[in-house]
Amino acid sequence: MRKKINSLHIEPDSTAFGADDFRAWWTAGMSDNDELSEHDREELFENCMYIAEAENRAMLQTGEELREAIDHWADAWNRSINL
């Protein structure tokens, strides 16, 4: 599986996660009007880590960078549905 994030090509043995992944996982079975809580953010982080480990892929983001990406996306998501 190859992913594309921020126009950067990710090699087959590596992985990175971004807004498209977070949105797909969050909205699976959910509403586009549901806010993300701290618990939801932690679940998104754990999903990313599980996928990377299960697929034996090297992370291109540190854990802290991944958490920051999730928080940035979640904050933007919550703002967009509260307009």
Protein backbone atom coordinates (compact mmCIF):
# COMPACT_ATOMS: atom_id res chain seq x y z
CA MET A 1 0.00 0.00 0.00
CA ARG A 2 1.35 3.42 -0.91
CA LYS A 3 0.12 6.65 0.56
CA LYS A 4 0.48 10.20 -0.60
CA ILE A 5 0.54 13.03 1.90
CA ASN A 6 1.37 16.67 1.26
CA SER A 7 2.46 15.77 -2.30
CA LEU A 8 5.30 13.66 -0.88
CA HIS A 9 5.57 10.15 -2.28
CA ILE A 10 5.84 7.60 0.52
CA GLU A 11 7.92 4.52 -0.23
CA PRO A 12 6.28 1.06 0.08
CA ASP A 13 7.99 0.13 3.36
CA SER A 14 7.15 3.41 5.04
CA THR A 15 3.99 5.08 6.16
CA ALA A 16 2.71 8.48 7.17
CA PHE A 17 -0.76 9.52 8.18
CA GLY A 18 -2.68 12.69 7.47
CA ALA A 19 -6.03 14.39 7.20
CA ASP A 20 -7.49 12.05 4.56
CA ASP A 21 -6.77 9.03 6.76
CA PHE A 22 -8.11 10.69 9.91
CA ARG A 23 -11.32 11.80 8.20
CA ALA A 24 -11.95 8.38 6.64
CA TRP A 25 -11.51 6.61 9.98
CA TRP A 26 -13.49 9.17 11.94
CA THR A 27 -16.48 9.29 9.60
CA ALA A 28 -16.75 5.51 9.18
CA GLY A 29 -20.12 4.94 10.81
CA MET A 30 -20.18 8.45 12.28
CA SER A 31 -21.78 11.71 11.32
CA ASP A 32 -19.97 14.60 9.70
CA ASN A 33 -21.41 16.66 12.57
CA ASP A 34 -19.77 14.77 15.44
CA GLU A 35 -16.99 16.53 17.34
CA LEU A 36 -13.75 14.78 18.22
CA SER A 37 -13.04 14.42 21.93
CA GLU A 38 -9.67 13.81 23.57
CA HIS A 39 -10.57 10.11 23.70
CA ASP A 40 -11.28 10.11 19.94
CA ARG A 41 -7.92 11.73 19.27
CA GLU A 42 -6.17 9.04 21.28
CA GLU A 43 -8.03 6.33 19.35
CA LEU A 44 -6.92 7.87 16.03
CA PHE A 45 -3.33 7.88 17.30
CA GLU A 46 -3.59 4.25 18.42
CA ASN A 47 -5.09 3.26 15.05
CA CYS A 48 -2.13 4.80 13.24
CA MET A 49 0.37 3.05 15.49
CA TYR A 50 -1.46 -0.28 15.14
CA ILE A 51 -1.51 -0.06 11.34
CA ALA A 52 2.18 0.82 11.17
CA GLU A 53 3.07 -2.12 13.43
CA ALA A 54 0.66 -4.58 11.79
CA GLU A 55 2.04 -3.76 8.35
CA ASN A 56 5.62 -3.70 9.66
CA ARG A 57 6.12 -0.21 8.28
CA ALA A 58 8.58 2.44 9.33
CA MET A 59 6.97 5.65 10.54
CA LEU A 60 7.93 8.85 8.76
CA GLN A 61 6.47 10.81 11.67
CA THR A 62 7.59 10.67 15.27
CA GLY A 63 4.90 9.91 17.81
CA GLU A 64 4.87 13.58 18.78
CA GLU A 65 4.53 14.70 15.14
CA LEU A 66 1.66 12.27 14.65
CA ARG A 67 -0.11 13.55 17.78
CA GLU A 68 0.38 17.13 16.56
CA ALA A 69 -1.06 16.24 13.13
CA ILE A 70 -4.09 14.61 14.77
CA ASP A 71 -4.62 17.58 17.11
CA HIS A 72 -4.29 20.07 14.25
CA TRP A 73 -6.80 18.15 12.14
CA ALA A 74 -9.20 17.53 15.05
CA ASP A 75 -9.19 21.20 16.04
CA ALA A 76 -9.92 22.22 12.42
CA TRP A 77 -12.64 19.53 12.20
CA ASN A 78 -14.33 20.70 15.41
CA ARG A 79 -14.18 24.36 14.30
CA SER A 80 -15.70 23.51 10.90
CA ILE A 81 -18.75 21.80 12.37
CA ASN A 82 -19.34 24.51 14.97
CA LEU A 83 -19.55 27.40 12.49
